[in-house]
Amino acid sequence: MQKKQVAILDVGSSKISAVISERGVNKTFNIKARKDFNYDGFVDGVFLDEENLKRILASASEFIIKMSSDNVDTVYVGVPGAFSEVVVKDSQITFSKRTKISDKDVERLFESAFIVRSEKRTLINHSAIVYELDDLRMLANPVDCYSEVLKGKLSFVMCDNYFIETIKSALLNVGIPKIDFVSTPLAEAMYLIDNETRDRIVILIDIGYISTSFSLIQGDGILYQSSFSYGGGYITGAITEKFDIDFADAEILKRKVSLSKVSDNSFDLVSSGNGEYYGAENVRSIIKRSLDKLCDEIDNCKKNSGFIIPDSVPIYITGGGISYIRGAKERLADRFGTMVEILSPKIPLMEKPTESSVLSLLDLTF
């Protein structure tokens, strides 16, 4: 019997990844085919070059059709935080007598939550932050429990129709039979953070090349989500501007220095490989200032969430924006006064923050 294959498109802020995979043993993945496509990305929820994007999507679709087996009938598209909004609703249903709660009852609880229909957004995911029974017990899964009342704090992820229509118009033209949209931040939260940790409030930040997504996570849902246009590419751009060098050379400098190393030695130099040498402390100073600006944006997200977030709440970071800057995690931890941890998939040969979104989307869709 042929194994089920899943096809995804991971839409990042600097590349789009087309992946076809089977489920491996112990929740691993057997990736059958993959191709990454660089593109101009997006800023403030708008694609920078829609015509080029459509050409990229057409090529990615043709790759999926060519490389997949006949049992791939749906392509799942990951929706970045920049193109989605989270709505949290309290919902309640009652029973005529003490009842054993079923999956259908849980579905009815979600259906009873009033979600305003919008011409601008479409519901793509829903999940529970917490359920509550008539004895005031709060739990992650109420199925098979007995109660006269079922309450829930429920999280709904809405995707911008602009994103849906832009992607669909490109994919359907090349013969993709069905397209389903799923939240990338939600997938990352469910895959990268264990259940016990998610029962407490945590912050998950996916820092990309151009865009960063901020999510406040509890249970199986997102309490609050925001995004802003700032990432690893902006830090590289600051180095480029300071030294008037190529972007590629600036990227090398960014990855070579260590923020934890401090030296007053004027001969502490670093080379980008272009034959020129630059003061390591000058490079560190640029990166530190850029990280401080990133922290300011994260602080704004925390304030705008409307939640009082204690300093003890841990911050988890993923994505490739700053994960490879040595000392960046410690810089953020000092700024926020809390634990900062960089998350990556626990899959052999793929234990990289840059793989978080791809593997999280795969895990969600199986």
Protein backbone atom coordinates (compact mmCIF):
# COMPACT_ATOMS: atom_id res chain seq x y z
CA MET A 1 0.00 0.00 0.00
CA GLN A 2 1.38 3.37 -1.00
CA LYS A 3 2.04 5.75 1.87
CA LYS A 4 0.14 9.01 2.08
CA GLN A 5 2.08 11.96 0.69
CA VAL A 6 1.58 15.58 1.71
CA ALA A 7 2.55 18.61 -0.36
CA ILE A 8 3.13 22.03 1.20
CA LEU A 9 4.16 25.50 0.13
CA ASP A 10 5.97 27.37 2.89
CA VAL A 11 5.72 31.09 2.09
CA GLY A 12 8.56 32.89 3.86
CA SER A 13 9.68 36.49 3.64
CA SER A 14 12.63 35.68 1.35
CA LYS A 15 11.88 32.27 -0.18
CA ILE A 16 9.06 29.86 -0.96
CA SER A 17 9.66 26.16 -0.31
CA ALA A 18 7.77 23.43 -2.17
CA VAL A 19 7.96 20.14 -0.23
CA ILE A 20 6.51 16.67 -0.74
CA SER A 21 6.81 14.28 2.19
CA GLU A 22 5.61 11.07 3.75
CA ARG A 23 5.32 10.50 7.48
CA GLY A 24 8.34 8.61 8.84
CA VAL A 25 8.71 6.58 12.03
CA ASN A 26 8.40 8.29 15.43
CA LYS A 27 6.81 11.40 13.90
CA THR A 28 9.75 12.03 11.59
CA PHE A 29 9.42 12.86 7.90
CA ASN A 30 10.52 11.13 4.74
CA ILE A 31 10.91 14.07 2.38
CA LYS A 32 10.53 12.84 -1.18
CA ALA A 33 11.19 16.11 -2.98
CA ARG A 34 11.95 19.71 -2.16
CA LYS A 35 12.81 22.90 -4.00
CA ASP A 36 13.38 26.40 -2.63
CA PHE A 37 12.56 29.49 -4.68
CA ASN A 38 14.05 32.86 -3.74
CA TYR A 39 11.81 35.87 -4.29
CA ASP A 40 11.38 39.50 -3.22
CA GLY A 41 9.15 38.71 -0.25
CA PHE A 42 6.63 41.00 1.42
CA VAL A 43 6.50 44.07 3.62
CA ASP A 44 3.58 45.10 5.86
CA GLY A 45 1.35 42.38 4.46
CA VAL A 46 1.91 43.22 0.79
CA PHE A 47 3.98 41.23 -1.72
CA LEU A 48 6.70 43.40 -3.23
CA ASP A 49 6.50 41.95 -6.76
CA GLU A 50 3.23 40.13 -7.43
CA GLU A 51 4.01 39.26 -11.05
CA ASN A 52 7.28 37.58 -10.12
CA LEU A 53 5.53 35.89 -7.18
CA LYS A 54 3.00 34.35 -9.55
CA ARG A 55 5.78 33.03 -11.77
CA ILE A 56 7.50 31.53 -8.73
CA LEU A 57 4.25 29.93 -7.55
CA ALA A 58 3.62 28.49 -11.01
CA SER A 59 7.11 26.94 -11.02
CA ALA A 60 6.59 25.58 -7.51
CA SER A 61 3.24 24.08 -8.52
CA GLU A 62 4.71 22.45 -11.60
CA PHE A 63 7.44 20.97 -9.40
CA ILE A 64 4.86 19.52 -7.01
CA ILE A 65 2.78 18.04 -9.83
CA LYS A 66 5.85 16.51 -11.46
CA MET A 67 7.36 15.07 -8.28
CA SER A 68 4.29 13.91 -6.36
CA SER A 69 2.38 10.67 -6.63
CA ASP A 70 -1.28 10.43 -7.59
CA ASN A 71 -2.40 10.38 -3.94
CA VAL A 72 -1.51 14.06 -3.39
CA ASP A 73 -4.82 15.82 -3.92
CA THR A 74 -4.25 18.94 -1.81
CA VAL A 75 -1.49 21.48 -1.52
CA TYR A 76 -1.29 23.08 1.91
CA VAL A 77 -0.08 26.68 1.92
CA GLY A 78 1.48 28.12 5.07
CA VAL A 79 0.14 31.57 5.93
CA PRO A 80 2.72 33.87 7.61
CA GLY A 81 1.68 35.98 10.57
CA ALA A 82 1.87 39.12 8.42
CA PHE A 83 -1.19 37.95 6.48
CA SER A 84 -3.35 36.75 9.36
CA GLU A 85 -5.24 37.96 12.39
CA VAL A 86 -6.21 36.10 15.56
CA VAL A 87 -9.63 36.48 17.16
CA VAL A 88 -10.25 35.01 20.64
CA LYS A 89 -13.81 34.24 21.72
CA ASP A 90 -15.46 32.80 24.84
CA SER A 91 -18.09 30.21 24.00
CA GLN A 92 -20.52 28.05 26.00
CA ILE A 93 -23.04 25.30 25.37
CA THR A 94 -25.34 23.57 27.88
CA PHE A 95 -26.88 20.10 28.03
CA SER A 96 -30.26 19.06 29.44
CA LYS A 97 -28.51 16.70 31.83
CA ARG A 98 -25.03 15.59 32.78
CA THR A 99 -23.60 14.36 29.48
CA LYS A 100 -20.51 12.55 28.25
CA ILE A 101 -18.88 15.12 25.98
CA SER A 102 -18.16 14.00 22.42
CA ASP A 103 -16.16 15.38 19.52
CA LYS A 104 -19.42 16.63 18.02
CA ASP A 105 -20.13 18.62 21.19
CA VAL A 106 -16.72 20.27 20.88
CA GLU A 107 -17.47 21.10 17.24
CA ARG A 108 -20.77 22.65 18.34
CA LEU A 109 -18.93 24.77 20.91
CA PHE A 110 -16.76 26.23 18.14
CA GLU A 111 -19.77 26.75 15.89
CA SER A 112 -21.60 28.64 18.63
CA ALA A 113 -18.80 31.20 18.91
CA PHE A 114 -19.89 34.28 17.04
CA ILE A 115 -17.32 35.20 14.39
CA VAL A 116 -18.09 38.26 12.33
CA ARG A 117 -17.95 37.44 8.64
CA SER A 118 -15.65 39.73 6.72
CA GLU A 119 -14.98 40.48 3.08
CA LYS A 120 -11.34 41.02 3.99
CA ARG A 121 -10.54 37.79 5.88
CA THR A 122 -11.36 34.07 5.85
CA LEU A 123 -11.22 31.62 8.75
CA ILE A 124 -8.41 29.08 8.23
CA ASN A 125 -7.77 27.53 11.67
CA HIS A 126 -9.47 27.25 15.03
CA SER A 127 -8.21 25.73 18.27
CA ALA A 128 -8.82 25.90 22.00
CA ILE A 129 -6.80 27.81 24.52
CA VAL A 130 -8.64 26.05 27.37
CA TYR A 131 -11.94 24.25 28.11
CA GLU A 132 -13.94 24.46 31.33
CA LEU A 133 -16.56 22.08 32.80
CA ASP A 134 -19.40 22.69 35.25
CA ASP A 135 -17.20 21.74 38.22
CA LEU A 136 -14.79 24.54 37.20
CA ARG A 137 -12.17 22.08 36.00
CA MET A 138 -10.05 23.57 33.24
CA LEU A 139 -8.51 21.15 30.78
CA ALA A 140 -7.01 20.77 27.33
CA ASN A 141 -9.38 18.08 26.06
CA PRO A 142 -12.94 17.65 27.40
CA VAL A 143 -13.89 14.63 25.27
CA ASP A 144 -15.26 11.72 27.36
CA CYS A 145 -15.64 13.95 30.44
CA TYR A 146 -19.09 14.40 32.03
CA SER A 147 -20.63 17.84 32.47
CA GLU A 148 -23.83 19.84 32.09
CA VAL A 149 -21.91 22.79 30.68
CA LEU A 150 -19.01 23.09 28.28
CA LYS A 151 -17.15 26.39 28.09
CA GLY A 152 -14.13 27.31 26.03
CA LYS A 153 -11.74 30.15 25.36
CA LEU A 154 -11.30 29.64 21.63
CA SER A 155 -8.78 30.97 19.14
CA PHE A 156 -9.64 31.61 15.50
CA VAL A 157 -7.02 32.44 12.85
CA MET A 158 -8.28 34.62 9.99
CA CYS A 159 -6.30 34.93 6.76
CA ASP A 160 -6.30 38.05 4.57
CA ASN A 161 -8.28 37.41 1.40
CA TYR A 162 -5.58 39.31 -0.47
CA PHE A 163 -3.14 36.50 0.38
CA ILE A 164 -5.65 33.76 -0.48
CA GLU A 165 -6.66 35.28 -3.81
CA THR A 166 -3.07 36.03 -4.84
CA ILE A 167 -1.90 32.49 -4.12
CA LYS A 168 -4.97 30.76 -5.52
CA SER A 169 -4.94 32.64 -8.80
CA ALA A 170 -1.40 31.39 -9.45
CA LEU A 171 -1.82 27.79 -8.29
CA LEU A 172 -5.16 26.94 -9.88
CA ASN A 173 -3.92 28.04 -13.29
CA VAL A 174 -1.35 25.25 -13.38
CA GLY A 175 -3.62 22.41 -12.32
CA ILE A 176 -3.36 22.13 -8.53
CA PRO A 177 -6.65 20.36 -7.69
CA LYS A 178 -7.24 21.70 -4.16
CA ILE A 179 -5.60 24.34 -1.99
CA ASP A 180 -5.87 24.59 1.79
CA PHE A 181 -4.46 27.42 3.89
CA VAL A 182 -3.02 26.87 7.37
CA SER A 183 -1.46 29.20 9.93
CA THR A 184 2.34 28.92 10.05
CA PRO A 185 2.67 30.45 13.57
CA LEU A 186 0.06 28.01 14.92
CA ALA A 187 1.80 25.06 13.26
CA GLU A 188 5.14 26.13 14.77
CA ALA A 189 3.65 26.51 18.24
CA MET A 190 2.08 23.03 18.15
CA TYR A 191 5.18 21.35 16.74
CA LEU A 192 8.07 23.12 18.45
CA ILE A 193 6.67 23.67 21.96
CA ASP A 194 5.57 20.72 24.11
CA ASN A 195 2.09 20.48 25.63
CA GLU A 196 3.17 21.09 29.23
CA THR A 197 5.04 24.27 28.32
CA ARG A 198 2.12 25.54 26.21
CA ASP A 199 -0.25 25.12 29.16
CA ARG A 200 1.52 28.18 30.54
CA ILE A 201 1.69 31.36 28.52
CA VAL A 202 4.76 31.56 26.27
CA ILE A 203 5.94 33.90 23.56
CA LEU A 204 6.94 32.50 20.17
CA ILE A 205 8.74 34.81 17.75
CA ASP A 206 9.55 33.73 14.19
CA ILE A 207 12.22 36.14 13.00
CA GLY A 208 12.69 35.92 9.26
CA TYR A 209 14.76 37.82 6.76
CA ILE A 210 12.32 40.67 6.21
CA SER A 211 9.34 39.98 8.45
CA THR A 212 8.91 38.91 12.09
CA SER A 213 5.85 37.23 13.61
CA PHE A 214 5.02 37.59 17.33
CA SER A 215 2.62 35.09 18.93
CA LEU A 216 1.38 34.77 22.49
CA ILE A 217 0.64 31.07 22.97
CA GLN A 218 -1.45 29.21 25.54
CA GLY A 219 -2.81 25.68 25.34
CA ASP A 220 -3.46 24.71 21.74
CA GLY A 221 -4.22 28.23 20.59
CA ILE A 222 -2.84 31.68 19.91
CA LEU A 223 -3.96 34.34 22.40
CA TYR A 224 -2.54 37.24 20.41
CA GLN A 225 -0.62 37.62 17.19
CA SER A 226 1.15 40.51 15.53
CA SER A 227 3.88 41.04 12.96
CA PHE A 228 6.28 43.75 11.86
CA SER A 229 8.69 44.33 9.01
CA TYR A 230 12.11 43.81 10.56
CA GLY A 231 14.44 40.82 10.43
CA GLY A 232 17.88 39.51 9.66
CA GLY A 233 18.01 41.25 6.28
CA TYR A 234 17.71 44.65 7.95
CA ILE A 235 20.75 43.89 10.10
CA THR A 236 22.73 42.88 7.02
CA GLY A 237 21.53 46.06 5.32
CA ALA A 238 22.85 48.17 8.21
CA ILE A 239 26.30 46.57 7.83
CA THR A 240 26.17 47.12 4.06
CA GLU A 241 25.40 50.79 4.52
CA LYS A 242 28.06 51.32 7.20
CA PHE A 243 30.95 49.80 5.24
CA ASP A 244 29.64 50.37 1.70
CA ILE A 245 30.07 46.71 0.75
CA ASP A 246 28.04 44.10 -1.09
CA PHE A 247 25.09 42.52 0.68
CA ALA A 248 26.68 39.05 0.49
CA ASP A 249 29.88 40.32 2.12
CA ALA A 250 27.86 42.01 4.87
CA GLU A 251 26.02 38.75 5.54
CA ILE A 252 29.37 36.98 6.04
CA LEU A 253 30.51 39.67 8.49
CA LYS A 254 27.26 39.34 10.42
CA ARG A 255 27.80 35.62 10.92
CA LYS A 256 31.53 35.80 11.68
CA VAL A 257 31.54 38.07 14.73
CA SER A 258 30.50 37.06 18.23
CA LEU A 259 28.57 39.60 20.29
CA SER A 260 29.84 38.15 23.53
CA LYS A 261 33.43 38.96 22.62
CA VAL A 262 34.53 42.49 23.53
CA SER A 263 37.88 43.92 22.55
CA ASP A 264 39.47 47.37 22.60
CA ASN A 265 42.22 46.08 20.36
CA SER A 266 42.21 48.08 17.12
CA PHE A 267 43.76 45.05 15.40
CA ASP A 268 40.71 42.90 16.19
CA LEU A 269 39.66 42.59 12.55
CA VAL A 270 37.30 40.40 10.60
CA SER A 271 37.17 39.68 6.87
CA SER A 272 34.12 39.03 4.76
CA GLY A 273 36.21 37.20 2.19
CA ASN A 274 36.40 40.12 -0.23
CA GLY A 275 40.03 40.85 0.64
CA GLU A 276 39.12 43.71 2.97
CA TYR A 277 39.22 43.73 6.77
CA TYR A 278 36.82 45.53 9.11
CA GLY A 279 36.91 46.35 12.79
CA ALA A 280 35.13 43.55 14.61
CA GLU A 281 33.93 45.89 17.35
CA ASN A 282 32.38 48.18 14.74
CA VAL A 283 30.49 45.24 13.26
CA ARG A 284 29.37 44.14 16.73
CA SER A 285 28.15 47.66 17.49
CA ILE A 286 25.96 47.72 14.36
CA ILE A 287 24.47 44.32 15.15
CA LYS A 288 23.77 45.27 18.77
CA ARG A 289 21.98 48.46 17.74
CA SER A 290 19.93 46.50 15.21
CA LEU A 291 19.00 43.90 17.83
CA ASP A 292 17.97 46.69 20.19
CA LYS A 293 15.63 47.99 17.49
CA LEU A 294 14.23 44.48 17.10
CA CYS A 295 13.65 44.36 20.87
CA ASP A 296 11.81 47.70 20.68
CA GLU A 297 9.45 46.19 18.10
CA ILE A 298 8.90 43.11 20.29
CA ASP A 299 8.19 45.38 23.26
CA ASN A 300 5.54 47.15 21.17
CA CYS A 301 3.91 43.80 20.38
CA LYS A 302 3.81 42.92 24.07
CA LYS A 303 2.25 46.27 24.96
CA ASN A 304 -0.28 46.14 22.10
CA SER A 305 -1.41 42.63 23.06
CA GLY A 306 -3.54 44.01 25.89
CA PHE A 307 -2.20 41.29 28.20
CA ILE A 308 -0.07 41.88 31.27
CA ILE A 309 2.86 39.63 30.40
CA PRO A 310 5.12 38.92 33.39
CA ASP A 311 8.88 39.15 32.86
CA SER A 312 9.07 35.46 33.79
CA VAL A 313 7.25 34.41 30.61
CA PRO A 314 9.84 32.64 28.40
CA ILE A 315 10.56 33.81 24.88
CA TYR A 316 11.12 31.22 22.16
CA ILE A 317 12.72 32.28 18.90
CA THR A 318 12.83 30.45 15.60
CA GLY A 319 13.45 31.26 11.94
CA GLY A 320 16.72 32.23 10.31
CA GLY A 321 16.72 35.97 10.97
CA ILE A 322 19.04 36.13 13.99
CA SER A 323 19.46 32.48 14.99
CA TYR A 324 22.96 32.31 13.50
CA ILE A 325 24.25 35.50 15.11
CA ARG A 326 26.47 34.38 17.95
CA GLY A 327 25.41 36.08 21.15
CA ALA A 328 22.06 37.34 19.81
CA LYS A 329 20.06 35.12 22.15
CA GLU A 330 22.00 36.43 25.15
CA ARG A 331 21.52 40.02 23.99
CA LEU A 332 17.74 39.55 23.93
CA ALA A 333 17.74 37.74 27.27
CA ASP A 334 19.57 40.65 28.90
CA ARG A 335 17.14 43.13 27.38
CA PHE A 336 13.96 41.29 28.45
CA GLY A 337 15.22 39.82 31.72
CA THR A 338 13.85 36.38 30.95
CA MET A 339 14.83 33.09 29.40
CA VAL A 340 15.29 33.28 25.63
CA GLU A 341 15.65 30.01 23.75
CA ILE A 342 16.16 29.34 20.05
CA LEU A 343 13.89 26.54 18.83
CA SER A 344 14.57 24.16 15.97
CA PRO A 345 13.04 20.83 14.93
CA LYS A 346 14.43 17.79 16.75
CA ILE A 347 14.89 15.89 13.50
CA PRO A 348 18.33 14.51 12.57
CA LEU A 349 20.05 16.54 9.84
CA MET A 350 17.27 19.16 10.01
CA GLU A 351 17.92 20.64 13.44
CA LYS A 352 17.98 24.19 12.12
CA PRO A 353 15.70 27.13 12.97
CA THR A 354 15.35 27.77 9.23
CA GLU A 355 13.56 24.40 8.93
CA SER A 356 11.00 25.16 11.64
CA SER A 357 8.22 26.42 9.41
CA VAL A 358 8.56 23.65 6.80
CA LEU A 359 8.51 20.78 9.29
CA SER A 360 5.83 22.39 11.45
CA LEU A 361 3.52 22.72 8.45
CA LEU A 362 4.18 19.11 7.48
CA ASP A 363 3.40 17.94 11.00
CA LEU A 364 0.13 19.89 11.09
CA THR A 365 -1.08 18.53 7.78
CA PHE A 366 -0.50 14.82 8.41
